[in-house]
N, C-alpha and C. Protein backbone atom coordinates (compact mmCIF):
# COMPACT_ATOMS: atom_id res chain seq x y z
N UNK A 1 2.23 -22.02 22.00
CA UNK A 1 3.31 -22.00 21.01
C UNK A 1 2.82 -21.96 19.50
N UNK A 2 3.34 -20.82 18.77
CA UNK A 2 2.83 -20.60 17.48
C UNK A 2 2.93 -21.29 16.78
N UNK A 3 2.05 -21.88 15.62
CA UNK A 3 2.25 -22.63 14.72
C UNK A 3 2.06 -22.07 13.43
N UNK A 4 2.76 -22.39 12.51
CA UNK A 4 2.40 -21.57 11.08
C UNK A 4 2.02 -22.71 10.26
N UNK A 5 1.27 -22.74 9.66
CA UNK A 5 0.80 -23.86 8.17
C UNK A 5 0.78 -23.61 7.28
N UNK A 6 1.56 -23.48 6.10
CA UNK A 6 1.09 -23.19 4.98
C UNK A 6 0.89 -24.25 3.90
N UNK A 7 0.13 -23.54 2.31
CA UNK A 7 -0.52 -25.18 1.82
C UNK A 7 -1.05 -24.05 0.47
N UNK A 8 -1.27 -24.88 -0.52
CA UNK A 8 -0.73 -24.30 -1.65
C UNK A 8 -0.05 -24.56 -2.86
N UNK A 9 0.99 -25.16 -2.43
CA UNK A 9 2.24 -25.57 -3.41
C UNK A 9 1.87 -26.32 -4.20
N UNK A 10 2.63 -26.58 -5.47
CA UNK A 10 2.31 -27.81 -6.38
C UNK A 10 3.14 -27.86 -7.13
N UNK A 11 2.78 -28.14 -8.49
CA UNK A 11 3.33 -28.16 -9.57
C UNK A 11 2.57 -27.45 -10.79
N UNK A 12 3.25 -26.49 -11.22
CA UNK A 12 2.42 -25.93 -12.60
C UNK A 12 3.50 -25.64 -13.57
N UNK A 13 2.83 -25.35 -14.94
CA UNK A 13 3.75 -24.89 -15.73
C UNK A 13 4.27 -23.48 -16.15
N UNK A 14 5.21 -23.43 -16.30
CA UNK A 14 5.72 -21.60 -17.06
C UNK A 14 4.93 -21.06 -17.35
N UNK A 15 4.29 -20.00 -16.72
CA UNK A 15 3.47 -19.00 -17.13
C UNK A 15 2.65 -19.21 -16.10
N UNK A 16 2.31 -20.20 -15.35
CA UNK A 16 0.81 -20.41 -14.72
C UNK A 16 0.86 -20.06 -13.22
N UNK A 17 -0.18 -19.77 -12.39
CA UNK A 17 -0.33 -19.42 -11.25
C UNK A 17 -0.26 -20.50 -10.24
N UNK A 18 0.08 -19.41 -9.14
CA UNK A 18 -0.72 -20.62 -7.75
C UNK A 18 -0.86 -19.59 -6.47
N UNK A 19 -1.16 -19.63 -5.92
CA UNK A 19 -1.61 -19.31 -4.63
C UNK A 19 -0.95 -20.20 -3.38
N UNK A 20 -0.27 -19.58 -2.49
CA UNK A 20 0.18 -19.78 -1.23
C UNK A 20 -0.61 -19.34 -0.08
N UNK A 21 -1.21 -20.01 1.01
CA UNK A 21 -1.54 -19.49 2.42
C UNK A 21 -1.10 -19.84 3.07
N UNK A 22 -1.25 -19.41 4.38
CA UNK A 22 -0.19 -19.55 5.74
C UNK A 22 -1.33 -18.80 7.16
N UNK A 23 -1.66 -20.33 7.67
CA UNK A 23 -2.31 -19.38 8.77
C UNK A 23 -1.57 -19.68 10.45
N UNK A 24 -1.08 -19.08 10.68
CA UNK A 24 -0.83 -19.03 11.86
C UNK A 24 -1.96 -19.61 13.53
N UNK A 25 -1.42 -20.15 14.13
CA UNK A 25 -2.34 -20.59 15.31
C UNK A 25 -1.62 -20.27 16.66
N UNK A 26 -2.56 -20.35 17.83
CA UNK A 26 -1.26 -20.30 18.99
C UNK A 26 -0.88 -18.84 19.65
N UNK A 27 -1.43 -17.72 19.04
CA UNK A 27 -0.77 -16.56 18.84
C UNK A 27 -1.51 -15.70 19.79
N UNK A 28 -0.73 -15.30 20.91
CA UNK A 28 -1.38 -14.20 22.18
C UNK A 28 -0.93 -12.78 21.82
N UNK A 29 0.03 -12.47 21.60
CA UNK A 29 0.76 -11.36 21.13
C UNK A 29 0.62 -10.90 19.67
N UNK A 30 0.84 -9.56 19.26
CA UNK A 30 0.55 -9.50 17.68
C UNK A 30 1.43 -9.77 17.01
N UNK A 31 1.01 -10.49 15.86
CA UNK A 31 2.43 -10.72 14.75
C UNK A 31 2.35 -9.22 14.39
N UNK A 32 3.61 -9.00 14.23
CA UNK A 32 3.90 -7.69 13.50
C UNK A 32 4.27 -7.57 11.69
N UNK A 33 4.72 -8.66 11.56
CA UNK A 33 4.94 -9.02 10.29
C UNK A 33 5.12 -10.24 9.94
N UNK A 34 4.23 -10.29 8.29
CA UNK A 34 4.32 -11.99 7.92
C UNK A 34 5.23 -11.62 7.19
N UNK A 35 5.63 -12.85 6.15
CA UNK A 35 6.12 -13.08 5.14
C UNK A 35 6.66 -14.62 4.41
N UNK A 36 7.24 -14.63 3.21
CA UNK A 36 7.50 -15.39 2.29
C UNK A 36 8.79 -15.65 2.33
N UNK A 37 9.81 -16.40 2.63
CA UNK A 37 10.89 -16.82 1.86
C UNK A 37 10.88 -18.57 0.98
N UNK A 38 12.41 -18.35 0.29
CA UNK A 38 11.76 -19.97 -0.18
C UNK A 38 13.34 -20.21 -0.26
N UNK A 39 13.46 -21.31 -0.65
CA UNK A 39 14.82 -21.94 -0.91
C UNK A 39 14.73 -22.98 -1.87
N UNK A 40 15.73 -22.47 -2.57
CA UNK A 40 15.57 -23.34 -4.19
C UNK A 40 16.80 -24.78 -3.85
N UNK A 41 16.86 -25.64 -4.77
CA UNK A 41 18.09 -26.32 -4.67
C UNK A 41 19.30 -25.95 -4.44
N UNK A 42 20.02 -26.38 -3.42
CA UNK A 42 21.49 -25.92 -3.04
C UNK A 42 21.55 -24.50 -3.46
N UNK A 43 20.26 -23.75 -2.62
CA UNK A 43 20.87 -22.30 -2.68
C UNK A 43 20.07 -21.93 -1.10
N UNK A 44 20.55 -20.95 -0.87
CA UNK A 44 20.21 -20.27 0.74
C UNK A 44 18.75 -19.77 0.53
N UNK A 45 18.18 -19.93 1.82
CA UNK A 45 16.89 -19.19 2.05
C UNK A 45 16.56 -17.51 1.75
N UNK A 46 16.03 -17.46 1.06
CA UNK A 46 15.56 -15.95 0.29
C UNK A 46 14.36 -15.20 0.80
N UNK A 47 14.43 -13.96 0.93
CA UNK A 47 13.34 -13.36 1.27
C UNK A 47 12.87 -13.21 -0.26
N UNK A 48 11.29 -13.72 -0.43
CA UNK A 48 10.48 -12.80 -1.36
C UNK A 48 9.66 -11.94 -1.13
N UNK A 49 9.02 -11.73 0.40
CA UNK A 49 8.09 -10.84 0.12
C UNK A 49 7.31 -10.96 1.80
N UNK A 50 7.62 -9.58 2.21
CA UNK A 50 6.87 -9.38 3.07
C UNK A 50 5.55 -8.36 3.76
N UNK A 51 4.80 -8.26 4.76
CA UNK A 51 3.90 -7.48 5.01
C UNK A 51 4.09 -7.39 6.33
N UNK A 52 3.48 -5.87 6.42
CA UNK A 52 3.73 -5.98 8.25
C UNK A 52 1.94 -5.16 8.24
N UNK A 53 1.71 -5.05 9.90
CA UNK A 53 0.71 -4.96 10.33
C UNK A 53 -0.33 -3.79 9.72
N UNK A 54 0.58 -2.83 9.22
CA UNK A 54 0.03 -1.53 8.91
C UNK A 54 0.14 -1.58 7.24
N UNK A 55 0.40 -3.03 6.67
CA UNK A 55 -0.24 -3.03 5.06
C UNK A 55 1.08 -2.65 4.38
N UNK A 56 2.21 -2.33 4.92
CA UNK A 56 3.59 -2.24 4.21
C UNK A 56 4.17 -3.38 3.48
N UNK A 57 4.75 -3.31 2.04
CA UNK A 57 4.71 -4.53 1.58
C UNK A 57 6.49 -4.40 1.19
N UNK A 58 7.04 -5.35 1.22
CA UNK A 58 8.63 -5.67 0.40
C UNK A 58 8.49 -6.46 -0.54
N UNK A 59 8.94 -6.40 -1.55
CA UNK A 59 9.19 -7.47 -2.72
C UNK A 59 10.88 -7.61 -3.09
N UNK A 60 11.03 -9.19 -3.23
CA UNK A 60 12.47 -9.40 -3.68
C UNK A 60 12.30 -8.99 -5.27
N UNK A 61 13.33 -7.93 -5.69
CA UNK A 61 13.14 -7.95 -7.29
C UNK A 61 13.09 -8.66 -8.46
N UNK A 62 13.43 -10.12 -8.15
CA UNK A 62 13.30 -10.92 -9.05
C UNK A 62 11.24 -11.59 -8.94
N UNK A 63 10.69 -10.86 -8.07
CA UNK A 63 9.03 -11.31 -8.03
C UNK A 63 8.29 -10.18 -8.32
N UNK A 64 8.86 -9.17 -8.33
CA UNK A 64 8.17 -7.52 -8.36
C UNK A 64 7.16 -7.82 -9.61
N UNK A 65 5.84 -7.54 -9.57
CA UNK A 65 5.06 -7.56 -11.07
C UNK A 65 4.54 -8.71 -11.28
N UNK A 66 4.97 -9.54 -10.00
CA UNK A 66 4.53 -11.44 -10.68
C UNK A 66 3.79 -11.51 -9.42
N UNK A 67 4.68 -11.09 -8.23
CA UNK A 67 4.01 -11.94 -7.00
C UNK A 67 3.05 -10.63 -6.13
N UNK A 68 2.15 -11.33 -5.25
CA UNK A 68 1.31 -10.24 -4.73
C UNK A 68 1.24 -10.83 -3.16
N UNK A 69 1.35 -9.90 -2.30
CA UNK A 69 1.33 -10.68 -0.75
C UNK A 69 0.43 -9.96 -0.24
N UNK A 70 -0.41 -10.63 0.59
CA UNK A 70 -1.69 -10.11 1.16
C UNK A 70 -1.92 -10.48 2.54
N UNK A 71 -2.51 -9.67 3.23
CA UNK A 71 -2.86 -10.47 4.81
C UNK A 71 -4.39 -10.53 5.11
N UNK A 72 -5.10 -11.91 5.53
CA UNK A 72 -6.36 -11.89 5.63
C UNK A 72 -6.90 -11.09 6.91
N UNK A 73 -8.26 -11.21 6.85
CA UNK A 73 -8.72 -10.20 8.19
C UNK A 73 -8.66 -10.42 9.06
N UNK A 74 -8.07 -11.64 9.44
CA UNK A 74 -7.71 -12.02 10.95
C UNK A 74 -6.43 -11.54 11.26
N UNK A 75 -5.85 -10.77 10.06
CA UNK A 75 -4.34 -10.65 10.38
C UNK A 75 -3.45 -11.78 10.84
N UNK A 76 -3.75 -13.14 10.90
CA UNK A 76 -3.04 -13.96 11.33
C UNK A 76 -2.70 -15.06 10.20
N UNK A 77 -3.15 -14.87 9.03
CA UNK A 77 -2.97 -15.18 8.01
C UNK A 77 -2.44 -14.59 6.60
N UNK A 78 -1.50 -15.26 5.59
CA UNK A 78 -1.11 -14.45 4.90
C UNK A 78 -0.97 -15.23 3.79
N UNK A 79 -1.13 -14.64 2.21
CA UNK A 79 -0.95 -15.11 1.04
C UNK A 79 -0.39 -14.96 0.17
N UNK A 80 0.41 -15.45 -0.74
CA UNK A 80 1.08 -15.25 -1.73
C UNK A 80 0.53 -15.47 -2.93
N UNK A 81 -0.02 -14.50 -3.90
CA UNK A 81 -0.53 -14.73 -5.22
C UNK A 81 0.90 -14.61 -6.16
N UNK A 82 1.04 -16.03 -6.80
CA UNK A 82 2.05 -15.70 -7.66
C UNK A 82 2.02 -16.26 -8.76
N UNK A 83 1.84 -15.05 -9.69
CA UNK A 83 1.28 -15.10 -11.70
C UNK A 83 2.86 -15.02 -12.33
N UNK A 84 2.74 -15.93 -13.52
CA UNK A 84 3.86 -15.41 -14.74
C UNK A 84 4.62 -16.51 -13.78
N UNK A 85 4.37 -17.50 -13.29
CA UNK A 85 5.46 -18.29 -12.61
C UNK A 85 6.83 -18.58 -13.67
N UNK A 86 8.09 -18.60 -13.27
CA UNK A 86 9.27 -19.02 -14.45
C UNK A 86 9.57 -20.44 -13.48
N UNK A 87 10.41 -21.27 -13.92
CA UNK A 87 11.49 -22.58 -13.74
C UNK A 87 12.40 -22.03 -12.66
N UNK A 88 12.55 -20.79 -12.87
CA UNK A 88 13.51 -20.37 -11.70
C UNK A 88 12.89 -20.16 -10.03
N UNK A 89 11.51 -19.90 -10.09
CA UNK A 89 10.45 -19.97 -8.84
C UNK A 89 10.60 -21.08 -8.34
N UNK A 90 11.57 -22.53 -8.78
CA UNK A 90 11.29 -23.76 -8.21
C UNK A 90 11.84 -23.24 -6.98
N UNK A 91 11.22 -23.76 -5.75
CA UNK A 91 11.78 -23.64 -4.50
C UNK A 91 10.61 -24.74 -3.33
N UNK A 92 11.24 -24.73 -1.94
CA UNK A 92 10.37 -24.77 -0.78
C UNK A 92 10.21 -23.39 -0.24
N UNK A 93 8.88 -22.93 -0.15
CA UNK A 93 8.34 -21.52 0.16
C UNK A 93 8.06 -21.58 1.92
N UNK A 94 8.73 -20.82 2.63
CA UNK A 94 8.25 -20.87 3.66
C UNK A 94 7.78 -19.35 4.28
N UNK A 95 6.69 -19.95 4.98
CA UNK A 95 6.12 -18.70 5.61
C UNK A 95 6.68 -18.31 7.14
N UNK A 96 6.83 -17.34 7.57
CA UNK A 96 7.59 -16.52 8.57
C UNK A 96 6.27 -15.64 9.30
N UNK A 97 6.53 -15.51 10.32
CA UNK A 97 6.01 -14.58 11.34
C UNK A 97 7.12 -13.77 12.19
N UNK A 98 6.93 -12.64 12.27
CA UNK A 98 7.73 -12.07 13.56
C UNK A 98 6.64 -11.16 14.49
N UNK A 99 7.19 -12.04 15.98
CA UNK A 99 6.17 -11.10 16.84
C UNK A 99 7.24 -10.44 17.69
N UNK A 100 7.51 -8.94 17.89
CA UNK A 100 8.22 -7.72 18.51
C UNK A 100 8.47 -8.23 19.83
N UNK A 101 6.74 -8.18 20.49
CA UNK A 101 6.90 -8.35 21.89
C UNK A 101 7.91 -9.78 22.76
N UNK A 102 7.94 -10.89 21.48
CA UNK A 102 8.81 -12.05 22.18
C UNK A 102 10.09 -11.84 21.31
N UNK A 103 10.36 -10.93 20.42
CA UNK A 103 11.78 -10.95 19.87
C UNK A 103 11.61 -11.72 19.39
N UNK A 104 10.74 -12.69 18.43
CA UNK A 104 10.64 -14.01 17.80
C UNK A 104 10.25 -13.99 16.61
N UNK A 105 11.01 -15.03 15.57
CA UNK A 105 10.37 -15.27 14.31
C UNK A 105 9.91 -16.70 14.32
N UNK A 106 8.98 -16.90 13.71
CA UNK A 106 8.46 -18.60 13.66
C UNK A 106 8.36 -19.11 12.05
N UNK A 107 8.66 -20.24 11.74
CA UNK A 107 8.63 -20.75 10.44
C UNK A 107 7.57 -21.85 10.42
N UNK A 108 7.22 -21.46 9.01
CA UNK A 108 6.27 -23.04 9.02
C UNK A 108 7.21 -24.13 8.73
N UNK A 109 6.33 -24.76 8.00
CA UNK A 109 7.24 -26.18 7.45
C UNK A 109 7.55 -26.18 6.37
N UNK A 110 7.09 -25.29 5.37
CA UNK A 110 7.64 -25.20 3.97
C UNK A 110 6.69 -25.56 3.12
N UNK A 111 6.52 -25.17 1.81
CA UNK A 111 5.76 -25.93 0.80
C UNK A 111 6.14 -25.86 -0.15
N UNK A 112 6.08 -26.91 -1.07
CA UNK A 112 7.31 -26.66 -2.27
C UNK A 112 6.38 -26.50 -3.56
N UNK A 113 7.02 -25.67 -4.45
CA UNK A 113 6.66 -25.01 -5.70
C UNK A 113 7.63 -25.48 -6.90
N UNK A 114 6.94 -26.50 -7.81
CA UNK A 114 7.89 -26.75 -8.53
C UNK A 114 7.22 -26.16 -10.04
N UNK A 115 7.80 -25.64 -10.89
CA UNK A 115 7.40 -25.05 -12.41
C UNK A 115 8.09 -25.32 -13.49
N UNK A 116 7.43 -26.00 -13.81
CA UNK A 116 8.13 -26.90 -15.03
C UNK A 116 8.22 -26.00 -16.80
N UNK A 117 8.97 -26.03 -17.19
CA UNK A 117 9.76 -25.54 -18.64
C UNK A 117 8.47 -25.80 -19.20
């Protein structure tokens, strides 16, 4: 059973930085892509950033130039460096892993990020 565990959320002032981490365990097949999504209060879950095994990245327009996604050496970890945080970045951030061999997506439990003005 694949499990994703996020860490690194918290409270930060506007303009500050946070680094989120996500580690996958129980992985037998290759994780083809990992990513971060977020869900703000009263909003739908939205894509923040994704990264493939080959290193290709994709970012939401709202975070381009401020957030950087990267994968660890084990390829089963993913990080999100968040700089120049804004109050509108306040949300619960979820880690996602896609395993094509199983045609399944896996989600972490979420980590809360609160940016105060």
